[in-house]
Amino acid sequence: MAIEMALVKVDLINADEGISISSERVQFSAYRLILYAMQGEALPILPHQTQVDIVAYYEDGVKLMWGEVSISLPGQINIEVLSNSGEKQERRRNVKVRTSFDAKVSAIESMGRRKRRINVKSDIRVRDLSLGGVGFFSDSMFLKNQIIVLDLSYLKSGFLADFQVLRREKNTGYGGYSPGFKYKYGGRVLKLTGEEERMVCEYVYKVQITDYHRRKEKSAQH
């Protein structure tokens, strides 16, 4: 029997409503989640049946679910967990945000039988990010299904991720494409550690909430 690792903390997210709540004091069963206020703090009051994404951070990774608020008090929030696996979870696992930061390709894997890795130093610009994939711009040519190593030290120093190239397009510089790069790439991250999953997940939802508040401020100005 597999031993489930300790639950570190839980985030409640609803980017459309600007909701971002975290607590390290939680109780969790298969169908109910209870968040308690941290010492000296009060939780915001959420309307009944507000839908939220649930990001449960374990020592060995991240579990993504969604649910509805059943009780909301300054001292605790009760969530009825409506999805603990399956399609809803997978959709949220692939929540993708637009972003822009510089990174590098630090190695490429040869396409022959030996699968030899060659160290390189190729600058890229990350354009979107999810827990399962990355989109980026580059001047270098990589082949479909080739494995490359992305240096994502922007997120955390020394963060390297194996990445499989799934598509390559010429970068026209139009339609929101970043000028100055020859190609636009997309693909999937092959494997992340539990700590790396938590790091990427926190970044993705942070960008979502920041974008929500930016849109809200712009709307208020007009």
N, C-alpha and C. Protein backbone atom coordinates (compact mmCIF):
# COMPACT_ATOMS: atom_id res chain seq x y z
N MET A 1 0.85 -1.20 0.00
CA MET A 1 0.00 0.00 0.00
C MET A 1 0.88 1.25 0.00
N ALA A 2 0.55 2.19 -0.89
CA ALA A 2 1.32 3.43 -0.97
C ALA A 2 1.01 4.32 0.23
N ILE A 3 2.03 4.97 0.77
CA ILE A 3 1.85 5.88 1.89
C ILE A 3 1.70 7.29 1.36
N GLU A 4 0.59 7.95 1.70
CA GLU A 4 0.36 9.31 1.22
C GLU A 4 1.19 10.28 2.05
N MET A 5 1.91 11.16 1.35
CA MET A 5 2.79 12.11 2.03
C MET A 5 1.97 13.18 2.72
N ALA A 6 2.61 13.88 3.66
CA ALA A 6 1.93 14.89 4.48
C ALA A 6 1.47 16.06 3.61
N LEU A 7 0.30 16.59 3.95
CA LEU A 7 -0.24 17.77 3.28
C LEU A 7 0.43 19.01 3.88
N VAL A 8 1.04 19.81 3.02
CA VAL A 8 1.80 20.97 3.48
C VAL A 8 0.90 22.20 3.63
N LYS A 9 0.11 22.48 2.60
CA LYS A 9 -0.81 23.61 2.64
C LYS A 9 -1.83 23.46 1.53
N VAL A 10 -2.86 24.32 1.56
CA VAL A 10 -3.90 24.30 0.53
C VAL A 10 -4.15 25.73 0.07
N ASP A 11 -4.28 25.92 -1.24
CA ASP A 11 -4.71 27.19 -1.83
C ASP A 11 -6.11 27.02 -2.40
N LEU A 12 -6.94 28.04 -2.22
CA LEU A 12 -8.24 28.15 -2.91
C LEU A 12 -8.10 29.26 -3.94
N ILE A 13 -8.41 28.95 -5.20
CA ILE A 13 -8.20 29.90 -6.29
C ILE A 13 -9.48 30.03 -7.12
N ASN A 14 -9.86 31.25 -7.42
CA ASN A 14 -10.84 31.52 -8.47
C ASN A 14 -10.38 32.80 -9.15
N ALA A 15 -9.61 32.65 -10.24
CA ALA A 15 -9.01 33.81 -10.89
C ALA A 15 -10.06 34.77 -11.41
N ASP A 16 -11.23 34.26 -11.87
CA ASP A 16 -12.28 35.13 -12.40
C ASP A 16 -12.87 36.04 -11.32
N GLU A 17 -12.82 35.58 -10.07
CA GLU A 17 -13.37 36.36 -8.96
C GLU A 17 -12.27 37.02 -8.13
N GLY A 18 -11.02 36.82 -8.52
CA GLY A 18 -9.92 37.42 -7.77
C GLY A 18 -9.68 36.78 -6.42
N ILE A 19 -10.06 35.50 -6.27
CA ILE A 19 -9.93 34.81 -4.99
C ILE A 19 -8.59 34.06 -4.95
N SER A 20 -7.81 34.30 -3.91
CA SER A 20 -6.58 33.56 -3.68
C SER A 20 -6.37 33.46 -2.17
N ILE A 21 -6.65 32.28 -1.61
CA ILE A 21 -6.60 32.07 -0.17
C ILE A 21 -5.68 30.89 0.12
N SER A 22 -4.81 31.04 1.12
CA SER A 22 -3.90 29.96 1.50
C SER A 22 -4.01 29.68 2.99
N SER A 23 -3.82 28.41 3.34
CA SER A 23 -3.75 28.04 4.75
C SER A 23 -2.93 26.77 4.90
N GLU A 24 -2.16 26.73 5.97
CA GLU A 24 -1.41 25.53 6.32
C GLU A 24 -2.13 24.74 7.41
N ARG A 25 -3.29 25.25 7.85
CA ARG A 25 -4.10 24.55 8.86
C ARG A 25 -5.33 23.99 8.15
N VAL A 26 -5.29 22.72 7.80
CA VAL A 26 -6.36 22.14 6.99
C VAL A 26 -6.72 20.74 7.48
N GLN A 27 -7.99 20.37 7.22
CA GLN A 27 -8.46 19.01 7.37
C GLN A 27 -9.03 18.60 6.02
N PHE A 28 -8.70 17.37 5.59
CA PHE A 28 -9.11 16.98 4.24
C PHE A 28 -9.51 15.52 4.22
N SER A 29 -10.72 15.28 3.71
CA SER A 29 -11.18 13.93 3.45
C SER A 29 -11.50 13.86 1.96
N ALA A 30 -12.06 12.75 1.51
CA ALA A 30 -12.31 12.57 0.08
C ALA A 30 -13.29 13.60 -0.48
N TYR A 31 -14.23 14.05 0.35
CA TYR A 31 -15.28 14.93 -0.17
C TYR A 31 -15.42 16.24 0.58
N ARG A 32 -14.62 16.48 1.58
CA ARG A 32 -14.73 17.74 2.33
C ARG A 32 -13.36 18.25 2.72
N LEU A 33 -13.19 19.54 2.52
CA LEU A 33 -11.96 20.23 2.87
C LEU A 33 -12.30 21.37 3.81
N ILE A 34 -11.56 21.49 4.90
CA ILE A 34 -11.76 22.59 5.85
C ILE A 34 -10.45 23.35 5.99
N LEU A 35 -10.50 24.64 5.71
CA LEU A 35 -9.36 25.53 5.92
C LEU A 35 -9.62 26.34 7.18
N TYR A 36 -8.63 26.39 8.06
CA TYR A 36 -8.72 27.20 9.28
C TYR A 36 -7.82 28.42 9.13
N ALA A 37 -8.23 29.52 9.74
CA ALA A 37 -7.44 30.74 9.69
C ALA A 37 -6.12 30.54 10.41
N MET A 38 -5.06 31.11 9.87
CA MET A 38 -3.77 31.10 10.54
C MET A 38 -3.84 32.00 11.77
N GLN A 39 -2.99 31.76 12.73
CA GLN A 39 -3.03 32.49 13.99
C GLN A 39 -2.90 33.99 13.76
N GLY A 40 -3.82 34.75 14.36
CA GLY A 40 -3.80 36.20 14.24
C GLY A 40 -4.38 36.73 12.95
N GLU A 41 -4.93 35.88 12.11
CA GLU A 41 -5.49 36.31 10.83
C GLU A 41 -6.94 35.85 10.72
N ALA A 42 -7.68 36.49 9.82
CA ALA A 42 -9.06 36.10 9.53
C ALA A 42 -9.18 35.77 8.06
N LEU A 43 -9.99 34.77 7.76
CA LEU A 43 -10.23 34.39 6.37
C LEU A 43 -11.30 35.29 5.77
N PRO A 44 -11.23 35.59 4.47
CA PRO A 44 -12.30 36.38 3.84
C PRO A 44 -13.59 35.57 3.77
N ILE A 45 -14.71 36.27 3.79
CA ILE A 45 -16.02 35.62 3.69
C ILE A 45 -16.36 35.43 2.21
N LEU A 46 -16.61 34.18 1.82
CA LEU A 46 -16.96 33.87 0.43
C LEU A 46 -18.44 33.51 0.34
N PRO A 47 -19.12 33.93 -0.72
CA PRO A 47 -20.53 33.57 -0.89
C PRO A 47 -20.73 32.06 -0.96
N HIS A 48 -21.87 31.61 -0.49
CA HIS A 48 -22.21 30.19 -0.52
C HIS A 48 -22.19 29.67 -1.96
N GLN A 49 -21.64 28.49 -2.17
CA GLN A 49 -21.52 27.81 -3.45
C GLN A 49 -20.56 28.49 -4.43
N THR A 50 -19.70 29.37 -3.92
CA THR A 50 -18.64 29.89 -4.78
C THR A 50 -17.75 28.74 -5.24
N GLN A 51 -17.49 28.64 -6.53
CA GLN A 51 -16.64 27.57 -7.04
C GLN A 51 -15.17 27.99 -6.99
N VAL A 52 -14.33 27.08 -6.54
CA VAL A 52 -12.90 27.37 -6.41
C VAL A 52 -12.08 26.18 -6.91
N ASP A 53 -10.94 26.49 -7.48
CA ASP A 53 -9.92 25.47 -7.71
C ASP A 53 -9.22 25.21 -6.39
N ILE A 54 -8.92 23.95 -6.12
CA ILE A 54 -8.25 23.55 -4.89
C ILE A 54 -6.86 23.04 -5.27
N VAL A 55 -5.84 23.66 -4.72
CA VAL A 55 -4.46 23.24 -4.96
C VAL A 55 -3.91 22.72 -3.64
N ALA A 56 -3.79 21.41 -3.53
CA ALA A 56 -3.30 20.77 -2.31
C ALA A 56 -1.82 20.44 -2.49
N TYR A 57 -0.97 21.04 -1.69
CA TYR A 57 0.47 20.86 -1.80
C TYR A 57 0.92 19.79 -0.80
N TYR A 58 1.36 18.65 -1.32
CA TYR A 58 1.90 17.57 -0.49
C TYR A 58 3.42 17.62 -0.54
N GLU A 59 4.05 16.89 0.35
CA GLU A 59 5.52 16.85 0.36
C GLU A 59 6.08 16.31 -0.95
N ASP A 60 5.29 15.45 -1.62
CA ASP A 60 5.80 14.81 -2.84
C ASP A 60 5.11 15.28 -4.11
N GLY A 61 4.36 16.39 -4.04
CA GLY A 61 3.72 16.87 -5.27
C GLY A 61 2.47 17.67 -5.01
N VAL A 62 1.69 17.85 -6.07
CA VAL A 62 0.51 18.69 -6.04
C VAL A 62 -0.71 17.90 -6.50
N LYS A 63 -1.82 18.06 -5.78
CA LYS A 63 -3.08 17.48 -6.21
C LYS A 63 -4.03 18.63 -6.54
N LEU A 64 -4.63 18.60 -7.73
CA LEU A 64 -5.52 19.66 -8.19
C LEU A 64 -6.95 19.16 -8.25
N MET A 65 -7.86 19.91 -7.65
CA MET A 65 -9.27 19.54 -7.59
C MET A 65 -10.10 20.79 -7.75
N TRP A 66 -11.40 20.67 -7.61
CA TRP A 66 -12.26 21.85 -7.53
C TRP A 66 -13.44 21.52 -6.63
N GLY A 67 -14.10 22.57 -6.14
CA GLY A 67 -15.22 22.36 -5.23
C GLY A 67 -16.03 23.63 -5.03
N GLU A 68 -16.99 23.57 -4.09
CA GLU A 68 -17.87 24.71 -3.80
C GLU A 68 -17.84 25.01 -2.31
N VAL A 69 -17.95 26.29 -2.00
CA VAL A 69 -17.97 26.74 -0.61
C VAL A 69 -19.30 26.35 0.02
N SER A 70 -19.25 25.65 1.16
CA SER A 70 -20.47 25.30 1.89
C SER A 70 -20.63 26.13 3.16
N ILE A 71 -19.53 26.48 3.80
CA ILE A 71 -19.53 27.34 4.99
C ILE A 71 -18.35 28.29 4.88
N SER A 72 -18.58 29.58 5.17
CA SER A 72 -17.51 30.56 5.14
C SER A 72 -17.63 31.47 6.35
N LEU A 73 -16.66 31.37 7.25
CA LEU A 73 -16.59 32.16 8.47
C LEU A 73 -15.18 32.76 8.58
N PRO A 74 -15.02 33.79 9.41
CA PRO A 74 -13.67 34.35 9.57
C PRO A 74 -12.65 33.33 10.06
N GLY A 75 -13.12 32.30 10.79
CA GLY A 75 -12.19 31.32 11.34
C GLY A 75 -12.01 30.08 10.50
N GLN A 76 -12.94 29.80 9.57
CA GLN A 76 -12.80 28.59 8.76
C GLN A 76 -13.64 28.68 7.50
N ILE A 77 -13.21 27.94 6.48
CA ILE A 77 -13.97 27.80 5.24
C ILE A 77 -14.11 26.31 4.95
N ASN A 78 -15.34 25.86 4.74
CA ASN A 78 -15.61 24.47 4.37
C ASN A 78 -15.87 24.39 2.87
N ILE A 79 -15.22 23.44 2.23
CA ILE A 79 -15.38 23.23 0.79
C ILE A 79 -15.87 21.81 0.54
N GLU A 80 -16.95 21.69 -0.24
CA GLU A 80 -17.38 20.38 -0.70
C GLU A 80 -16.60 20.05 -1.96
N VAL A 81 -15.78 19.01 -1.90
CA VAL A 81 -14.93 18.64 -3.02
C VAL A 81 -15.78 17.89 -4.05
N LEU A 82 -15.87 18.48 -5.26
CA LEU A 82 -16.72 17.91 -6.32
C LEU A 82 -15.92 17.11 -7.33
N SER A 83 -14.63 17.30 -7.34
CA SER A 83 -13.79 16.53 -8.27
C SER A 83 -12.46 16.26 -7.62
N ASN A 84 -12.10 14.97 -7.54
CA ASN A 84 -10.83 14.58 -6.97
C ASN A 84 -9.97 13.85 -8.00
N SER A 85 -10.51 13.71 -9.20
CA SER A 85 -9.78 13.03 -10.27
C SER A 85 -10.55 13.22 -11.57
N GLY A 86 -10.00 12.71 -12.65
CA GLY A 86 -10.73 12.68 -13.91
C GLY A 86 -10.64 13.95 -14.71
N GLU A 87 -11.64 14.21 -15.54
CA GLU A 87 -11.59 15.26 -16.54
C GLU A 87 -11.41 16.63 -15.94
N LYS A 88 -12.17 16.96 -14.90
CA LYS A 88 -12.07 18.29 -14.30
C LYS A 88 -10.67 18.53 -13.77
N GLN A 89 -10.12 17.53 -13.09
CA GLN A 89 -8.79 17.66 -12.54
C GLN A 89 -7.76 17.84 -13.65
N GLU A 90 -7.89 17.07 -14.71
CA GLU A 90 -6.92 17.16 -15.80
C GLU A 90 -7.00 18.52 -16.48
N ARG A 91 -8.22 19.04 -16.64
CA ARG A 91 -8.35 20.36 -17.27
C ARG A 91 -7.63 21.42 -16.44
N ARG A 92 -7.78 21.34 -15.13
CA ARG A 92 -7.14 22.34 -14.28
C ARG A 92 -5.63 22.12 -14.19
N ARG A 93 -5.22 20.86 -14.34
CA ARG A 93 -3.78 20.58 -14.33
C ARG A 93 -3.10 21.30 -15.49
N ASN A 94 -3.83 21.51 -16.58
CA ASN A 94 -3.24 22.14 -17.74
C ASN A 94 -3.61 23.61 -17.88
N VAL A 95 -4.05 24.24 -16.77
CA VAL A 95 -4.29 25.67 -16.79
C VAL A 95 -3.01 26.37 -17.25
N LYS A 96 -3.14 27.18 -18.30
CA LYS A 96 -1.98 27.82 -18.92
C LYS A 96 -2.08 29.32 -18.80
N VAL A 97 -0.96 29.97 -18.49
CA VAL A 97 -0.96 31.43 -18.40
C VAL A 97 0.06 32.00 -19.38
N ARG A 98 -0.30 33.16 -19.93
CA ARG A 98 0.65 33.89 -20.75
C ARG A 98 1.67 34.55 -19.84
N THR A 99 2.93 34.52 -20.25
CA THR A 99 3.97 35.12 -19.45
C THR A 99 5.09 35.55 -20.38
N SER A 100 6.15 36.11 -19.86
CA SER A 100 7.30 36.48 -20.68
C SER A 100 8.52 36.61 -19.77
N PHE A 101 9.41 35.64 -19.86
CA PHE A 101 10.67 35.76 -19.14
C PHE A 101 11.76 35.00 -19.89
N ASP A 102 12.99 35.41 -19.67
CA ASP A 102 14.13 34.81 -20.37
C ASP A 102 14.56 33.53 -19.68
N ALA A 103 14.92 32.54 -20.49
CA ALA A 103 15.41 31.26 -19.99
C ALA A 103 16.44 30.73 -20.98
N LYS A 104 16.87 29.48 -20.80
CA LYS A 104 17.88 28.91 -21.69
C LYS A 104 17.57 27.44 -21.96
N VAL A 105 18.08 26.95 -23.09
CA VAL A 105 18.19 25.52 -23.32
C VAL A 105 19.62 25.15 -22.98
N SER A 106 19.80 24.26 -22.00
CA SER A 106 21.15 23.94 -21.53
C SER A 106 21.70 22.64 -22.13
N ALA A 107 20.81 21.81 -22.72
CA ALA A 107 21.28 20.57 -23.33
C ALA A 107 20.23 20.07 -24.31
N ILE A 108 20.67 19.30 -25.31
CA ILE A 108 19.76 18.66 -26.25
C ILE A 108 20.13 17.18 -26.33
N GLU A 109 19.13 16.35 -26.61
CA GLU A 109 19.36 14.91 -26.72
C GLU A 109 19.38 14.53 -28.19
N SER A 110 20.39 13.79 -28.61
CA SER A 110 20.48 13.37 -30.00
C SER A 110 19.32 12.45 -30.35
N MET A 111 18.95 12.44 -31.63
CA MET A 111 17.80 11.67 -32.07
C MET A 111 18.16 10.23 -32.46
N GLY A 112 19.43 9.86 -32.36
CA GLY A 112 19.85 8.50 -32.71
C GLY A 112 19.55 7.50 -31.61
N ARG A 113 20.03 6.30 -31.78
CA ARG A 113 19.76 5.22 -30.83
C ARG A 113 20.42 5.47 -29.48
N ARG A 114 21.56 6.11 -29.48
CA ARG A 114 22.32 6.26 -28.24
C ARG A 114 21.72 7.31 -27.30
N LYS A 115 20.92 8.22 -27.83
CA LYS A 115 20.29 9.27 -27.02
C LYS A 115 21.34 10.05 -26.21
N ARG A 116 22.38 10.44 -26.88
CA ARG A 116 23.45 11.17 -26.20
C ARG A 116 23.05 12.63 -25.98
N ARG A 117 23.37 13.14 -24.80
CA ARG A 117 23.04 14.54 -24.48
C ARG A 117 24.25 15.44 -24.73
N ILE A 118 23.95 16.55 -25.39
CA ILE A 118 25.00 17.50 -25.77
C ILE A 118 24.72 18.82 -25.06
N ASN A 119 25.71 19.33 -24.35
CA ASN A 119 25.54 20.61 -23.67
C ASN A 119 25.53 21.75 -24.68
N VAL A 120 24.57 22.64 -24.53
CA VAL A 120 24.47 23.83 -25.39
C VAL A 120 24.16 25.03 -24.49
N LYS A 121 24.11 26.18 -25.11
CA LYS A 121 23.71 27.40 -24.38
C LYS A 121 22.92 28.25 -25.35
N SER A 122 21.60 28.06 -25.34
CA SER A 122 20.73 28.73 -26.30
C SER A 122 19.69 29.56 -25.55
N ASP A 123 19.65 30.85 -25.81
CA ASP A 123 18.69 31.74 -25.15
C ASP A 123 17.30 31.54 -25.73
N ILE A 124 16.30 31.52 -24.86
CA ILE A 124 14.90 31.44 -25.27
C ILE A 124 14.09 32.44 -24.46
N ARG A 125 12.86 32.68 -24.89
CA ARG A 125 11.93 33.49 -24.11
C ARG A 125 10.65 32.70 -23.90
N VAL A 126 10.34 32.41 -22.66
CA VAL A 126 9.13 31.66 -22.33
C VAL A 126 7.92 32.54 -22.56
N ARG A 127 6.91 32.01 -23.28
CA ARG A 127 5.71 32.79 -23.61
C ARG A 127 4.47 32.30 -22.89
N ASP A 128 4.43 31.01 -22.52
CA ASP A 128 3.32 30.51 -21.72
C ASP A 128 3.80 29.31 -20.91
N LEU A 129 3.06 29.04 -19.84
CA LEU A 129 3.52 28.03 -18.90
C LEU A 129 2.32 27.37 -18.24
N SER A 130 2.40 26.06 -18.06
CA SER A 130 1.42 25.32 -17.29
C SER A 130 2.17 24.24 -16.52
N LEU A 131 1.44 23.49 -15.69
CA LEU A 131 2.08 22.43 -14.93
C LEU A 131 2.60 21.32 -15.84
N GLY A 132 2.03 21.22 -17.04
CA GLY A 132 2.42 20.14 -17.93
C GLY A 132 3.18 20.55 -19.17
N GLY A 133 3.30 21.86 -19.43
CA GLY A 133 3.92 22.27 -20.68
C GLY A 133 4.49 23.67 -20.66
N VAL A 134 5.26 23.98 -21.71
CA VAL A 134 5.90 25.28 -21.87
C VAL A 134 5.83 25.68 -23.34
N GLY A 135 5.59 26.95 -23.59
CA GLY A 135 5.73 27.52 -24.93
C GLY A 135 6.83 28.56 -24.89
N PHE A 136 7.67 28.59 -25.93
CA PHE A 136 8.78 29.55 -25.91
C PHE A 136 9.19 29.95 -27.31
N PHE A 137 9.93 31.05 -27.41
CA PHE A 137 10.54 31.52 -28.65
C PHE A 137 12.03 31.21 -28.62
N SER A 138 12.60 30.94 -29.81
CA SER A 138 14.03 30.65 -29.89
C SER A 138 14.52 30.88 -31.31
N ASP A 139 15.82 31.17 -31.42
CA ASP A 139 16.46 31.24 -32.74
C ASP A 139 17.00 29.88 -33.17
N SER A 140 17.10 28.94 -32.25
CA SER A 140 17.67 27.63 -32.55
C SER A 140 16.61 26.71 -33.12
N MET A 141 17.05 25.76 -33.95
CA MET A 141 16.12 24.79 -34.52
C MET A 141 16.19 23.47 -33.74
N PHE A 142 15.05 23.08 -33.17
CA PHE A 142 14.91 21.80 -32.49
C PHE A 142 13.92 20.95 -33.28
N LEU A 143 14.07 19.64 -33.21
CA LEU A 143 13.26 18.73 -34.00
C LEU A 143 12.04 18.26 -33.22
N LYS A 144 10.99 17.92 -33.95
CA LYS A 144 9.79 17.39 -33.32
C LYS A 144 10.13 16.10 -32.57
N ASN A 145 9.64 16.00 -31.34
CA ASN A 145 9.86 14.87 -30.42
C ASN A 145 11.25 14.84 -29.82
N GLN A 146 12.08 15.82 -30.14
CA GLN A 146 13.41 15.87 -29.53
C GLN A 146 13.28 16.25 -28.05
N ILE A 147 14.14 15.68 -27.21
CA ILE A 147 14.18 16.01 -25.79
C ILE A 147 15.25 17.08 -25.59
N ILE A 148 14.88 18.17 -24.95
CA ILE A 148 15.83 19.22 -24.61
C ILE A 148 15.70 19.53 -23.12
N VAL A 149 16.70 20.18 -22.58
CA VAL A 149 16.70 20.52 -21.16
C VAL A 149 16.54 22.03 -21.03
N LEU A 150 15.46 22.45 -20.37
CA LEU A 150 15.20 23.86 -20.16
C LEU A 150 15.77 24.30 -18.81
N ASP A 151 16.49 25.41 -18.84
CA ASP A 151 16.99 26.03 -17.60
C ASP A 151 16.00 27.13 -17.23
N LEU A 152 15.17 26.84 -16.21
CA LEU A 152 14.13 27.77 -15.78
C LEU A 152 14.52 28.43 -14.45
N SER A 153 15.74 28.90 -14.39
CA SER A 153 16.24 29.51 -13.15
C SER A 153 15.48 30.78 -12.77
N TYR A 154 14.72 31.33 -13.71
CA TYR A 154 13.86 32.48 -13.39
C TYR A 154 12.88 32.12 -12.28
N LEU A 155 12.39 30.89 -12.29
CA LEU A 155 11.45 30.43 -11.27
C LEU A 155 12.18 30.04 -9.99
N LYS A 156 13.31 29.38 -10.13
CA LYS A 156 14.14 29.01 -8.99
C LYS A 156 15.54 28.68 -9.49
N SER A 157 16.55 29.17 -8.79
CA SER A 157 17.94 28.95 -9.20
C SER A 157 18.23 27.46 -9.36
N GLY A 158 18.79 27.09 -10.52
CA GLY A 158 19.16 25.71 -10.77
C GLY A 158 18.04 24.80 -11.20
N PHE A 159 16.86 25.35 -11.53
CA PHE A 159 15.71 24.55 -11.94
C PHE A 159 15.88 24.12 -13.40
N LEU A 160 16.12 22.82 -13.62
CA LEU A 160 16.25 22.24 -14.95
C LEU A 160 15.10 21.28 -15.20
N ALA A 161 14.51 21.32 -16.38
CA ALA A 161 13.37 20.46 -16.69
C ALA A 161 13.55 19.82 -18.06
N ASP A 162 13.36 18.49 -18.13
CA ASP A 162 13.35 17.80 -19.42
C ASP A 162 12.06 18.15 -20.16
N PHE A 163 12.19 18.42 -21.45
CA PHE A 163 11.08 18.95 -22.24
C PHE A 163 11.08 18.25 -23.59
N GLN A 164 9.90 17.82 -24.04
CA GLN A 164 9.76 17.20 -25.36
C GLN A 164 9.12 18.18 -26.32
N VAL A 165 9.80 18.46 -27.42
CA VAL A 165 9.28 19.37 -28.44
C VAL A 165 8.14 18.68 -29.19
N LEU A 166 6.96 19.32 -29.22
CA LEU A 166 5.82 18.75 -29.93
C LEU A 166 5.46 19.54 -31.19
N ARG A 167 5.83 20.80 -31.24
CA ARG A 167 5.52 21.59 -32.44
C ARG A 167 6.51 22.75 -32.59
N ARG A 168 6.72 23.13 -33.84
CA ARG A 168 7.57 24.27 -34.17
C ARG A 168 6.91 25.06 -35.27
N GLU A 169 6.87 26.38 -35.11
CA GLU A 169 6.30 27.26 -36.13
C GLU A 169 7.29 28.39 -36.40
N LYS A 170 7.27 28.91 -37.61
CA LYS A 170 8.04 30.11 -37.89
C LYS A 170 7.40 31.29 -37.16
N ASN A 171 8.22 32.13 -36.60
CA ASN A 171 7.73 33.29 -35.86
C ASN A 171 7.64 34.48 -36.81
N THR A 172 6.42 34.89 -37.11
CA THR A 172 6.20 35.99 -38.05
C THR A 172 6.37 37.36 -37.42
N GLY A 173 6.32 37.42 -36.08
CA GLY A 173 6.39 38.72 -35.41
C GLY A 173 5.06 39.42 -35.34
N TYR A 174 3.98 38.74 -35.78
CA TYR A 174 2.65 39.34 -35.74
C TYR A 174 1.73 38.49 -34.86
N GLY A 175 0.58 39.03 -34.57
CA GLY A 175 -0.41 38.30 -33.80
C GLY A 175 0.03 38.02 -32.37
N GLY A 176 0.77 38.96 -31.77
CA GLY A 176 1.23 38.78 -30.41
C GLY A 176 2.52 37.99 -30.29
N TYR A 177 3.10 37.59 -31.42
CA TYR A 177 4.36 36.86 -31.37
C TYR A 177 5.49 37.80 -31.00
N SER A 178 6.50 37.27 -30.33
CA SER A 178 7.61 38.08 -29.89
C SER A 178 8.57 38.33 -31.04
N PRO A 179 8.88 39.59 -31.37
CA PRO A 179 9.82 39.86 -32.46
C PRO A 179 11.24 39.49 -32.06
N GLY A 180 12.08 39.23 -33.06
CA GLY A 180 13.49 38.97 -32.79
C GLY A 180 13.85 37.51 -32.65
N PHE A 181 12.89 36.61 -32.73
CA PHE A 181 13.16 35.18 -32.67
C PHE A 181 12.64 34.51 -33.94
N LYS A 182 13.34 33.49 -34.40
CA LYS A 182 12.98 32.82 -35.65
C LYS A 182 11.81 31.85 -35.49
N TYR A 183 11.74 31.17 -34.32
CA TYR A 183 10.77 30.08 -34.18
C TYR A 183 9.95 30.22 -32.89
N LYS A 184 8.77 29.60 -32.95
CA LYS A 184 7.89 29.49 -31.79
C LYS A 184 7.70 28.00 -31.51
N TYR A 185 7.93 27.57 -30.27
CA TYR A 185 7.86 26.16 -29.90
C TYR A 185 6.80 25.91 -28.83
N GLY A 186 6.31 24.68 -28.83
CA GLY A 186 5.41 24.23 -27.78
C GLY A 186 5.68 22.76 -27.50
N GLY A 187 5.41 22.35 -26.28
CA GLY A 187 5.64 20.95 -25.94
C GLY A 187 5.31 20.66 -24.50
N ARG A 188 5.79 19.53 -24.01
CA ARG A 188 5.42 19.11 -22.66
C ARG A 188 6.64 18.85 -21.80
N VAL A 189 6.47 19.16 -20.53
CA VAL A 189 7.48 18.84 -19.54
C VAL A 189 7.32 17.37 -19.18
N LEU A 190 8.42 16.62 -19.17
CA LEU A 190 8.33 15.18 -19.00
C LEU A 190 8.18 14.75 -17.55
N LYS A 191 8.85 15.42 -16.64
CA LYS A 191 8.77 15.00 -15.24
C LYS A 191 9.23 16.13 -14.34
N LEU A 192 8.46 16.36 -13.27
CA LEU A 192 8.84 17.35 -12.27
C LEU A 192 8.84 16.68 -10.90
N THR A 193 9.73 17.15 -10.03
CA THR A 193 9.68 16.69 -8.64
C THR A 193 8.51 17.35 -7.94
N GLY A 194 8.18 16.87 -6.75
CA GLY A 194 7.09 17.48 -5.99
C GLY A 194 7.34 18.94 -5.72
N GLU A 195 8.56 19.30 -5.35
CA GLU A 195 8.89 20.70 -5.07
C GLU A 195 8.74 21.55 -6.33
N GLU A 196 9.17 21.00 -7.49
CA GLU A 196 9.06 21.75 -8.74
C GLU A 196 7.61 21.92 -9.15
N GLU A 197 6.77 20.91 -8.94
CA GLU A 197 5.34 21.05 -9.22
C GLU A 197 4.73 22.18 -8.39
N ARG A 198 5.06 22.22 -7.11
CA ARG A 198 4.53 23.27 -6.25
C ARG A 198 4.96 24.64 -6.74
N MET A 199 6.22 24.77 -7.14
CA MET A 199 6.77 26.03 -7.59
C MET A 199 6.06 26.52 -8.86
N VAL A 200 5.91 25.63 -9.86
CA VAL A 200 5.25 26.01 -11.10
C VAL A 200 3.78 26.35 -10.85
N CYS A 201 3.12 25.54 -10.03
CA CYS A 201 1.71 25.76 -9.76
C CYS A 201 1.48 27.11 -9.09
N GLU A 202 2.30 27.44 -8.11
CA GLU A 202 2.17 28.72 -7.42
C GLU A 202 2.38 29.87 -8.39
N TYR A 203 3.34 29.73 -9.31
CA TYR A 203 3.60 30.78 -10.29
C TYR A 203 2.41 30.96 -11.22
N VAL A 204 1.86 29.86 -11.72
CA VAL A 204 0.73 29.92 -12.66
C VAL A 204 -0.45 30.65 -12.04
N TYR A 205 -0.82 30.27 -10.81
CA TYR A 205 -1.98 30.91 -10.19
C TYR A 205 -1.69 32.34 -9.77
N LYS A 206 -0.45 32.64 -9.41
CA LYS A 206 -0.08 34.02 -9.09
C LYS A 206 -0.27 34.92 -10.31
N VAL A 207 0.15 34.43 -11.48
CA VAL A 207 -0.02 35.21 -12.72
C VAL A 207 -1.50 35.39 -13.02
N GLN A 208 -2.31 34.34 -12.83
CA GLN A 208 -3.75 34.46 -13.08
C GLN A 208 -4.39 35.54 -12.21
N ILE A 209 -4.07 35.53 -10.93
CA ILE A 209 -4.66 36.51 -10.02
C ILE A 209 -4.16 37.92 -10.34
N THR A 210 -2.88 38.06 -10.66
CA THR A 210 -2.33 39.37 -11.04
C THR A 210 -3.03 39.90 -12.29
N ASP A 211 -3.24 39.04 -13.28
CA ASP A 211 -3.94 39.45 -14.51
C ASP A 211 -5.37 39.88 -14.21
N TYR A 212 -6.03 39.17 -13.30
CA TYR A 212 -7.40 39.53 -12.94
C TYR A 212 -7.45 40.95 -12.37
N HIS A 213 -6.58 41.25 -11.43
CA HIS A 213 -6.58 42.58 -10.80
C HIS A 213 -6.19 43.66 -11.81
N ARG A 214 -5.31 43.33 -12.76
CA ARG A 214 -4.93 44.30 -13.78
C ARG A 214 -6.13 44.61 -14.69
N ARG A 215 -6.88 43.56 -15.08
CA ARG A 215 -8.07 43.78 -15.91
C ARG A 215 -9.13 44.58 -15.14
N LYS A 216 -9.25 44.28 -13.87
CA LYS A 216 -10.25 44.98 -13.05
C LYS A 216 -9.91 46.47 -12.93
N GLU A 217 -8.63 46.79 -12.75
CA GLU A 217 -8.20 48.18 -12.65
C GLU A 217 -8.44 48.93 -13.97
N LYS A 218 -8.15 48.26 -15.10
CA LYS A 218 -8.37 48.88 -16.40
C LYS A 218 -9.86 49.15 -16.62
N SER A 219 -10.70 48.19 -16.23
CA SER A 219 -12.14 48.34 -16.40
C SER A 219 -12.66 49.51 -15.57
N ALA A 220 -12.12 49.70 -14.38
CA ALA A 220 -12.56 50.79 -13.50
C ALA A 220 -12.16 52.16 -14.03
N GLN A 221 -11.10 52.21 -14.86
CA GLN A 221 -10.64 53.47 -15.39
C GLN A 221 -11.47 53.96 -16.57
N HIS A 222 -12.27 53.04 -17.17
CA HIS A 222 -13.04 53.41 -18.37
C HIS A 222 -14.50 53.66 -18.03
